[in-house]
Protein backbone atom coordinates (compact mmCIF):
# COMPACT_ATOMS: atom_id res chain seq x y z
CA MET A 1 95.93 108.36 89.05
CA ALA A 2 98.18 105.44 88.12
CA ALA A 3 101.03 107.07 90.04
CA GLN A 4 98.90 107.39 93.18
CA ALA A 5 97.63 103.81 92.83
CA VAL A 6 101.23 102.55 92.86
CA ALA A 7 102.74 104.95 95.39
CA TYR A 8 99.91 104.91 97.93
CA GLY A 9 97.62 101.99 97.15
CA PHE A 10 100.54 99.53 96.90
CA ALA A 11 103.84 100.89 98.27
CA ARG A 12 102.46 102.85 101.22
CA TYR A 13 99.24 101.24 102.40
CA GLY A 14 100.17 97.70 101.41
CA TYR A 15 102.04 97.49 104.70
CA GLY A 16 98.80 97.56 106.68
CA LEU A 17 97.12 95.09 104.33
CA PHE A 18 99.84 92.47 104.80
CA LEU A 19 100.55 93.33 108.42
CA PRO A 20 99.17 90.04 109.86
CA ASP A 21 101.43 88.03 107.51
CA LEU A 22 104.43 90.22 108.32
CA ARG A 23 103.77 89.92 112.04
CA ASP A 24 103.70 86.12 111.82
CA ARG A 25 106.74 85.86 109.55
CA PHE A 26 109.00 88.26 111.46
CA GLY A 27 107.55 87.92 114.99
CA LEU A 28 106.74 91.61 115.54
CA SER A 29 104.73 93.14 118.42
CA THR A 30 102.10 95.86 117.94
CA SER A 31 104.44 98.64 119.09
CA VAL A 32 107.25 97.37 116.84
CA LEU A 33 104.86 97.22 113.89
CA GLY A 34 104.01 100.88 114.51
CA LEU A 35 107.70 101.73 114.81
CA VAL A 36 108.50 99.95 111.52
CA ASN A 37 105.78 101.94 109.79
CA SER A 38 107.07 105.21 111.23
CA VAL A 39 110.68 104.46 110.28
CA SER A 40 109.58 103.56 106.77
CA ASN A 41 108.18 107.10 106.47
CA ALA A 42 111.76 108.41 106.58
CA GLY A 43 112.02 107.70 102.86
CA TYR A 44 108.77 109.56 102.33
CA LEU A 45 110.13 112.67 104.04
CA VAL A 46 113.44 112.53 102.15
CA ALA A 47 111.54 112.37 98.85
CA LEU A 48 109.36 115.33 99.85
CA LEU A 49 112.41 117.45 100.61
CA LEU A 50 113.89 116.52 97.22
CA VAL A 51 110.66 117.42 95.44
CA GLY A 52 110.49 120.79 97.20
CA THR A 53 114.05 121.52 96.09
CA LEU A 54 114.11 120.02 92.59
CA VAL A 55 110.64 120.24 91.05
CA SER A 56 110.98 123.97 90.25
CA ARG A 57 114.30 123.24 88.49
CA LEU A 58 113.66 119.91 86.75
CA GLY A 59 109.91 119.92 86.29
CA PRO A 60 107.39 117.28 87.40
CA ARG A 61 108.26 114.42 85.04
CA PRO A 62 111.55 113.26 86.66
CA MET A 63 109.85 113.28 90.08
CA VAL A 64 107.00 111.00 88.98
CA VAL A 65 109.38 108.65 87.18
CA ALA A 66 111.43 108.48 90.39
CA ALA A 67 108.23 107.50 92.21
CA GLY A 68 107.76 104.45 90.01
CA VAL A 69 111.41 103.40 90.22
CA THR A 70 111.71 103.73 94.01
CA ALA A 71 108.38 101.95 94.50
CA GLY A 72 109.53 99.07 92.32
CA ILE A 73 112.94 98.71 93.97
CA GLY A 74 111.50 98.99 97.48
CA MET A 75 108.74 96.45 96.88
CA VAL A 76 111.14 93.94 95.35
CA THR A 77 113.27 94.33 98.49
CA VAL A 78 110.22 93.69 100.70
CA ALA A 79 109.36 90.59 98.68
CA LEU A 80 112.87 89.16 99.09
CA ALA A 81 113.43 90.24 102.74
CA GLY A 82 114.78 87.56 105.04
CA SER A 83 115.18 89.73 108.15
CA THR A 84 113.42 92.65 109.81
CA TRP A 85 116.19 95.07 108.84
CA VAL A 86 115.97 94.22 105.14
CA LEU A 87 112.19 94.53 105.39
CA VAL A 88 112.53 98.02 106.89
CA VAL A 89 114.97 99.09 104.16
CA GLY A 90 112.47 97.92 101.55
CA PHE A 91 109.68 99.93 103.14
CA VAL A 92 111.89 103.03 103.42
CA VAL A 93 112.74 102.91 99.71
CA ALA A 94 109.17 102.10 98.69
CA GLY A 95 107.94 104.90 100.95
CA MET A 96 109.88 107.41 98.85
CA ALA A 97 107.41 106.82 96.03
CA SER A 98 104.55 108.56 97.81
CA GLY A 99 106.80 111.55 98.47
CA PHE A 100 107.75 111.82 94.80
CA SER A 101 104.41 111.05 93.17
CA TRP A 102 101.78 113.50 94.39
CA ALA A 103 103.06 117.08 94.72
CA PRO A 104 104.46 117.37 91.14
CA PHE A 105 100.99 117.04 89.67
CA SER A 106 100.07 120.45 91.07
CA ASP A 107 102.51 122.02 88.61
CA THR A 108 101.34 119.70 85.84
CA ALA A 109 97.70 120.68 86.31
CA ASP A 110 98.59 124.38 86.59
CA ARG A 111 100.61 124.13 83.38
CA LEU A 112 98.25 122.11 81.19
CA LEU A 113 94.69 122.86 82.30
CA PRO A 114 92.44 125.93 82.03
CA ASP A 115 91.05 127.57 85.16
CA ARG A 116 87.58 126.11 84.70
CA THR A 117 88.73 122.48 84.94
CA ARG A 118 91.98 122.67 86.92
CA GLU A 119 90.60 122.19 90.42
CA ARG A 120 88.31 119.36 89.34
CA VAL A 121 91.20 117.42 87.86
CA MET A 122 93.44 118.14 90.87
CA ALA A 123 90.68 116.73 93.07
CA LEU A 124 90.45 113.64 90.84
CA ILE A 125 94.14 112.66 91.00
CA PRO A 126 94.22 111.31 94.61
CA SER A 127 91.38 108.90 93.81
CA GLY A 128 93.97 106.71 92.11
CA THR A 129 94.83 105.50 95.61
CA ALA A 130 91.38 103.91 95.88
CA PHE A 131 91.90 101.94 92.69
CA GLY A 132 95.24 100.66 94.01
CA VAL A 133 93.66 99.60 97.31
CA THR A 134 90.83 97.89 95.45
CA VAL A 135 93.30 95.81 93.43
CA ALA A 136 95.51 95.05 96.44
CA GLY A 137 92.69 93.61 98.55
CA PRO A 138 91.80 90.62 96.32
CA LEU A 139 95.48 90.02 95.62
CA ALA A 140 96.12 89.73 99.35
CA LEU A 141 93.22 87.28 99.61
CA VAL A 142 94.76 85.08 96.90
CA THR A 143 98.32 85.25 98.29
CA ARG A 144 97.57 84.81 101.99
CA GLY A 145 100.06 83.12 104.29
CA ALA A 146 103.41 82.06 102.84
CA ASN A 147 102.59 83.41 99.37
CA TRP A 148 102.46 87.09 100.40
CA ARG A 149 105.80 87.73 98.69
CA TYR A 150 104.29 87.11 95.25
CA ALA A 151 101.88 90.00 95.79
CA TRP A 152 104.78 92.39 96.41
CA LEU A 153 106.57 91.20 93.29
CA GLY A 154 103.39 91.87 91.32
CA PHE A 155 103.16 95.35 92.86
CA ALA A 156 106.76 96.02 91.80
CA LEU A 157 106.10 95.08 88.16
CA VAL A 158 103.18 97.52 88.03
CA ALA A 159 105.40 100.24 89.57
CA PHE A 160 108.08 99.88 86.89
CA ALA A 161 105.38 99.98 84.18
CA MET A 162 104.01 103.20 85.70
CA ALA A 163 107.49 104.79 85.62
CA TRP A 164 107.84 103.95 81.93
CA TYR A 165 104.37 105.34 81.20
CA ALA A 166 105.02 108.58 83.09
CA ALA A 167 108.28 109.11 81.19
CA ARG A 168 106.34 108.90 77.94
CA VAL A 169 103.28 111.03 78.62
CA LEU A 170 104.21 113.77 81.11
CA PRO A 171 105.57 117.04 79.68
CA ALA A 172 109.27 117.77 79.98
CA GLY A 173 110.82 120.93 81.38
CA ARG A 174 110.26 123.10 84.40
CA HIS A 175 107.07 124.95 85.26
CA GLU A 176 107.35 128.74 85.22
CA GLY A 177 105.57 130.09 88.29
CA LYS A 178 103.31 133.13 88.19
CA ALA A 179 105.47 136.13 89.05
CA ASP A 180 102.46 138.19 90.11
CA GLN A 181 101.58 135.54 92.71
CA GLY A 182 104.99 135.05 94.28
CA GLY A 183 106.15 132.38 91.86
CA ARG A 184 109.71 133.54 91.30
CA THR A 185 111.22 133.82 94.75
CA VAL A 186 110.80 131.01 97.28
CA THR A 187 112.07 131.79 100.77
CA ALA A 188 111.33 130.54 104.28
CA ARG A 189 108.90 133.42 104.68
CA TRP A 190 107.12 132.28 101.51
CA PHE A 191 106.39 128.91 103.16
CA LEU A 192 105.47 130.45 106.52
CA ARG A 193 102.77 132.84 105.35
CA PRO A 194 99.90 133.09 107.90
CA ALA A 195 97.37 131.45 105.56
CA ALA A 196 99.49 128.28 105.53
CA ALA A 197 99.28 127.56 109.29
CA PRO A 198 95.79 125.97 109.34
CA LEU A 199 96.67 124.04 106.17
CA TYR A 200 99.80 122.56 107.75
CA LEU A 201 97.95 121.66 110.97
CA THR A 202 95.16 119.95 109.05
CA ALA A 203 97.69 118.02 106.97
CA PHE A 204 99.53 116.95 110.14
CA VAL A 205 96.35 115.64 111.81
CA TYR A 206 95.35 113.94 108.55
CA GLY A 207 98.72 112.19 108.54
CA VAL A 208 98.36 111.08 112.18
CA ILE A 209 94.92 109.54 111.81
CA GLY A 210 95.57 108.11 108.36
CA ALA A 211 98.82 106.37 109.28
CA PHE A 212 97.24 104.77 112.35
CA TYR A 213 94.11 103.59 110.54
CA TRP A 214 95.92 102.17 107.51
CA THR A 215 98.38 100.38 109.80
CA PHE A 216 96.05 98.92 112.43
CA ALA A 217 92.52 98.78 110.98
CA LEU A 218 93.04 95.48 109.24
CA GLU A 219 94.74 94.00 112.31
CA ALA A 220 91.79 95.03 114.51
CA VAL A 221 89.30 93.47 112.10
CA SER A 222 91.45 90.37 111.62
CA ASP A 223 91.87 89.81 115.38
CA ALA A 224 88.13 90.16 115.97
CA ALA A 225 87.12 87.93 113.04
CA GLY A 226 89.77 85.24 113.51
CA LYS A 227 93.13 84.64 111.87
CA ASN A 228 91.88 82.61 108.89
CA SER A 229 88.76 84.66 108.24
CA PRO A 230 88.48 86.36 104.82
CA VAL A 231 86.75 89.37 106.45
CA ALA A 232 89.92 91.47 106.72
CA PRO A 233 90.96 91.41 103.01
CA LEU A 234 87.32 91.88 102.01
CA PHE A 235 87.12 94.87 104.38
CA TRP A 236 90.17 96.34 102.61
CA THR A 237 88.65 95.75 99.18
CA LEU A 238 85.34 97.32 100.24
CA MET A 239 87.22 100.36 101.54
CA GLY A 240 88.93 100.72 98.15
CA LEU A 241 85.69 100.28 96.22
CA ALA A 242 83.97 102.88 98.38
CA GLY A 243 86.97 105.18 97.94
CA ILE A 244 86.45 105.19 94.18
CA GLY A 245 83.55 107.51 94.96
CA SER A 246 86.20 110.18 95.54
CA VAL A 247 86.33 110.67 91.76
CA LEU A 248 83.39 112.99 92.48
CA ALA A 249 85.47 115.07 94.91
CA GLY A 250 85.67 117.96 92.46
CA ALA A 251 81.88 118.20 92.21
CA PHE A 252 81.64 117.72 96.00
CA PHE A 253 83.84 120.74 96.72
CA LEU A 254 82.23 122.77 93.95
CA ARG A 255 78.87 122.23 95.62
CA LEU A 256 79.83 122.62 99.29
CA GLY A 257 83.04 124.67 99.11
CA LEU A 258 86.24 123.82 100.95
CA ARG A 259 85.07 124.95 104.39
CA LEU A 260 81.88 122.92 104.68
CA GLY A 261 83.49 120.07 102.74
CA GLN A 262 86.33 119.87 105.25
CA ALA A 263 83.92 119.60 108.18
CA VAL A 264 81.87 116.86 106.50
CA LEU A 265 84.95 114.80 105.59
CA PHE A 266 86.64 114.90 108.98
CA LEU A 267 83.39 114.12 110.80
CA ALA A 268 83.05 111.08 108.54
CA LEU A 269 86.66 110.05 109.22
CA SER A 270 86.16 110.39 112.96
CA ALA A 271 83.00 108.25 112.83
CA ALA A 272 84.71 105.58 110.70
CA ILE A 273 87.65 105.34 113.11
CA ALA A 274 85.42 105.28 116.19
CA LEU A 275 83.38 102.38 114.78
CA LEU A 276 86.44 100.11 114.84
CA GLY A 277 87.12 101.17 118.40
CA LEU A 278 83.58 100.43 119.51
CA ALA A 279 82.79 97.21 117.63
CA PRO A 280 85.60 95.75 115.48
CA GLY A 281 83.92 92.33 115.60
CA ALA A 282 80.50 93.50 114.40
CA LEU A 283 80.07 93.07 110.65
CA ALA A 284 77.78 96.09 110.35
CA ALA A 285 80.31 98.34 112.11
CA VAL A 286 83.19 97.03 109.97
CA VAL A 287 81.24 97.59 106.74
CA ALA A 288 80.13 101.06 107.84
CA SER A 289 83.71 101.97 108.78
CA ALA A 290 85.03 100.91 105.37
CA VAL A 291 82.25 102.67 103.45
CA LEU A 292 82.74 105.91 105.41
CA TYR A 293 86.52 105.90 105.57
CA GLY A 294 87.31 105.06 101.93
CA PRO A 295 85.70 108.05 100.17
CA ALA A 296 86.28 110.47 103.06
CA PHE A 297 90.00 109.74 103.27
CA MET A 298 90.53 109.96 99.50
CA ALA A 299 88.48 113.16 99.21
CA ALA A 300 90.41 114.68 102.13
CA SER A 301 93.55 114.20 100.02
CA SER A 302 91.85 116.27 97.33
CA LEU A 303 90.97 118.86 99.96
CA LEU A 304 94.64 119.30 100.86
CA ALA A 305 95.64 119.61 97.20
CA LEU A 306 93.02 122.28 96.47
CA TRP A 307 93.62 124.14 99.72
CA SER A 308 97.37 124.20 99.08
CA TYR A 309 96.82 125.46 95.53
CA ARG A 310 94.84 128.40 96.90
CA VAL A 311 97.54 129.22 99.46
CA PHE A 312 100.49 128.80 97.04
CA PRO A 313 99.22 129.67 93.52
CA GLY A 314 102.61 130.98 92.36
CA GLN A 315 104.54 127.69 92.72
CA PRO A 316 101.90 125.00 93.33
CA SER A 317 104.13 121.93 93.55
CA THR A 318 106.71 123.60 95.76
CA GLY A 319 104.00 124.80 98.14
CA PHE A 320 102.24 121.45 98.10
CA SER A 321 105.48 119.65 98.94
CA ALA A 322 105.53 121.64 102.20
CA THR A 323 101.91 120.65 102.83
CA VAL A 324 102.67 116.98 102.23
CA LEU A 325 105.76 117.32 104.45
CA ALA A 326 103.44 118.35 107.31
CA LEU A 327 101.33 115.32 106.46
CA GLY A 328 104.49 113.18 106.53
CA LEU A 329 105.40 114.42 109.99
CA GLY A 330 101.94 113.30 111.07
CA THR A 331 102.50 109.83 109.61
CA LEU A 332 105.71 109.58 111.62
CA THR A 333 103.92 110.58 114.81
CA GLY A 334 100.73 108.54 114.44
CA PRO A 335 101.85 104.89 114.43
CA VAL A 336 104.48 105.33 117.17
CA SER A 337 102.41 107.39 119.64
CA LEU A 338 99.07 105.69 119.04
CA GLY A 339 100.75 102.28 118.77
CA ALA A 340 102.10 102.86 122.28
CA VAL A 341 98.56 103.73 123.42
CA ALA A 342 97.36 100.47 121.85
CA ASP A 343 100.04 98.46 123.66
CA ARG A 344 99.12 99.96 127.04
CA TYR A 345 95.36 100.43 126.84
CA GLY A 346 94.34 98.24 123.91
CA VAL A 347 93.80 98.77 120.19
CA ARG A 348 90.15 99.71 120.66
CA THR A 349 91.06 102.58 123.00
CA ALA A 350 93.69 103.77 120.53
CA PHE A 351 91.04 103.93 117.80
CA LEU A 352 88.78 106.06 120.00
CA VAL A 353 91.66 108.42 120.80
CA THR A 354 92.43 108.70 117.08
CA ALA A 355 88.77 109.52 116.34
CA ALA A 356 88.98 112.37 118.87
CA VAL A 357 92.18 113.68 117.26
CA ALA A 358 90.38 113.90 113.89
CA LEU A 359 87.88 116.36 115.36
CA VAL A 360 90.67 118.90 116.04
CA THR A 361 90.53 119.89 112.36
CA LEU A 362 87.02 121.32 112.78
CA ALA A 363 88.64 124.40 114.36
CA LEU A 364 90.74 125.02 111.22
CA ARG A 365 89.21 126.78 108.21
CA PRO A 366 90.30 126.67 104.55
CA PRO A 367 90.04 129.80 102.37
CA ALA A 368 86.64 130.43 100.86
CA ARG A 369 87.87 131.72 97.50
CA ARG A 370 90.08 130.50 94.69
CA PRO A 371 93.29 132.44 93.88
CA GLU A 372 91.90 133.67 90.57
CA ASP A 373 89.00 135.25 92.45
CA ASP A 374 91.49 137.64 94.04
CA THR A 375 92.96 138.61 90.65
CA ALA A 376 89.70 138.81 88.70
CA ARG A 377 89.69 142.64 88.62
CA ARG A 378 91.91 144.25 86.05
CA PRO A 379 94.90 146.28 87.33
CA GLU A 380 93.48 149.48 85.87
CA GLU A 381 90.27 148.92 87.85
CA ASP A 382 92.30 148.66 91.05
CA THR A 383 94.14 151.87 90.12
CA ALA A 384 90.87 153.64 89.47
CA ARG A 385 89.48 152.40 92.80
CA ARG A 386 92.54 153.75 94.67
CA GLU A 387 92.41 157.12 92.93
CA ASP A 388 88.68 157.43 93.53
CA THR A 389 89.29 156.75 97.21
CA ARG A 390 91.95 159.47 97.36
CA ALA A 391 89.64 161.83 95.49
CA THR A 392 86.88 161.51 98.06
CA SER A 393 89.06 161.45 101.17
CA PRO A 394 89.17 164.51 103.51
CA GLY A 395 92.79 165.26 102.62
CA ALA A 396 92.34 165.21 98.86
CA PRO A 397 92.86 168.44 96.80
CA SER A 398 89.70 170.44 96.21
CA GLY A 399 89.89 169.94 92.45
CA ASP A 400 89.67 166.18 92.84
CA ARG A 401 86.72 166.42 95.23
CA ALA A 402 84.97 168.67 92.70
CA GLY A 403 85.29 166.02 89.99
CA SER A 404 88.19 167.54 88.02
CA GLY A 405 91.60 166.09 87.14
CA PRO A 406 92.57 162.55 86.16
CA THR A 407 89.76 160.83 88.02
CA ALA A 408 87.09 162.87 86.27
CA CYS A 409 88.75 162.31 82.86
CA ARG A 410 88.62 158.57 83.40
């Protein structure tokens, strides 16, 4: 949870929180702000590719430590940036943290936890983002204007502390995948199994809508409320506080299942995004958007983690890195394409378009069962079932149909 608070709550989503200050300091237009955010995701994608390649060889601990180090270095660079190019470099390096920090915990959970608690803990991990956002909001309120750089230096110190902590507490060594579930051989076909297609599409859409909202929500609220209004940072803090409710994501999915849970979450996300398109200056709409979006977005992260674990039980972190890569491609697409819509038709129209995009996921369905449900029967029971089927089939020998031979002995 600490890793997600640093990598997402600070290094990744801090850009949107401080966007008004960055726009004033560096003189950036709305489309350029979206482009900067998309370019900064390059580091995120590079880190994901490294995790997919290295986590099965090195284990999860070096990946999470790398998340803290890259977040710290990137955020120090942002704090000291004197030009747009240095600022972009800082965001690219800081963006690597979110690529390194999340996927490795799938292997960690698979390695350390029993079946009965594994999915609940995996659902809990992304809620760390909400705690990071909750801390970042008040800090932005205190360091508004020319003092925004001090906030990023504070973020960096926390990131280095997280790296040290991860190096001490996470287990060393690689995770041995389950051979009976495809854990030994990872090929292109392994990633492109049919069950993965709806997962990748959902992750892509999640990346599109999330990147746009985190980048432009605060700007829309700030523009409607006035430049010096405290509403925007308070909106951010409220979103983080509401997102802490995602600690109950495990119980939520246990009660509703992944399929119904997915529909509920993406309907809530669509409504939250649409509210800022319809009435960004209305306090009730802003509060409702924050309260809906915070827990729904964090719990949707848990949805992707659990869904990916069911599709790739043999090598969870390797499979999840591909899922998060699809999400990353969405984060590249969202700010640029929807930022262009905002420049041409207005930010409010762009929010309504984004809300419509979120509804696409309702046509995509997660699996209904956990991987262990498919392996619950013992191998000898499967053998018996096959032999009984042969025994009663029209082409079976007469002795078997009469109840003699190996089947009858069993």
